[in-house]
Structure formats: C-alpha cells, structure tokens
Amino acid sequence: MAGPAPRRQLRPLAALALVLALAPGLPTTRAGQTPRPAERGPPVRLFTEEELARYGGEEEDQPIYLAVKGVVFDVTSGKEFYGRGAPYNALTGKDSTRGVAKMSLDPADLTHDTTGLTAKELEALDEVFTKVYKAKYPIVGYTARRILNEDGSPNLDFKPEDQPHFDIKDEF
C-alpha cells in the first residue's frame, strides 16, 4: 500500500510554479487565449560592400547605415552627425572599424581592417562599439565579410551565439 507522496517532492514543483507566476517578461495566457508573438525589431540581414554603400546618407529618403566590427547599425536617428555634409558622414555606407578605433576620418582608415592597431586603439574601439553604437542604434545586419571569407567560403571563426542581438530561438 502506497502512502501519500512526501512533501519534499512537491517543493521543487511549487517553487517552479511560483517563479513562473512571478517572473516578469514571461508570456502569460489564459485558457482559451491565443498567445501573442514576442515583439521583434526589423529583420537582420547580410550586407555586401556594394549594398552597404547605398546607405551612405546621400539620399534623403534612405536610411543611413554604418558598420563597426562587421555589425551594421542604422544611424538615421543621428542624421545631424551622419547625414550628407555632417561631420561623421565619411563613416557611413561602409565598415569603418579602423576609423572608429583610431578616431580618424582619414579615407585610408575607413576600412574593416584592424591590422596593426594598438592595444589602446582596440580598447577604444570596444568602448565606442558598446557604449555608442550598440547602446544608441539598432542593429540591422552584418557585413558579408564577417560571415564569409574573401573567396565566399564560410568564416569558421564566426560564431552566431557571440553576435549582438543573436537569439537561438530565432534560428529554429
């Protein structure tokens, strides 16, 4: 004859139920309701150099994009800084990682190439990437170079889970 289940076995289930009931941000539905899908931003896409160049702030009705560390940001909300004739317009329509690291608008520095940057420049790059671009501007994609090698083969160093705004749930 089996007796009632020990109270200890119920505690983890009760704790889980309490966490699920009180956890902010978890979707909640009631019986008979259809769950609402989570809100999502614009789809993220892959940009070739030619495609990214179309978003350099020259057209009034086009968004303004720039890439840093292979991540493409929509900087249209900062049009006074990045639009046509604005002080940082030279950074737009391309991956300007080196220029951001060196705080340079020299055309020779407006490239993705980080070869030869000092530790201080790389630190400055990471700080500006995180505290300015990731903090202020939406990510709209990645440069093809970040994911593909020059010959079109996959970049084996690319790890989606290390990318900003990557969510494994979006992949399945």
Foldseek 3Di string as FASTA:
>chain_A
DDDDDDPVVCVVVVVVVVCVVPPPPDWDDDPPDDTDDDDDDAAADEAELVRQLVQLQPDPPHFWWAAALQWIWGCRVVCCQQHVPHVNSLRISAHQHQCQLVVHSPNVRRHRDPPPPDPSSVVSSVCCVVVPGVVPTDTRYGYVVLQAPPVRHGDPVDDQVPDPPRDVVVVD
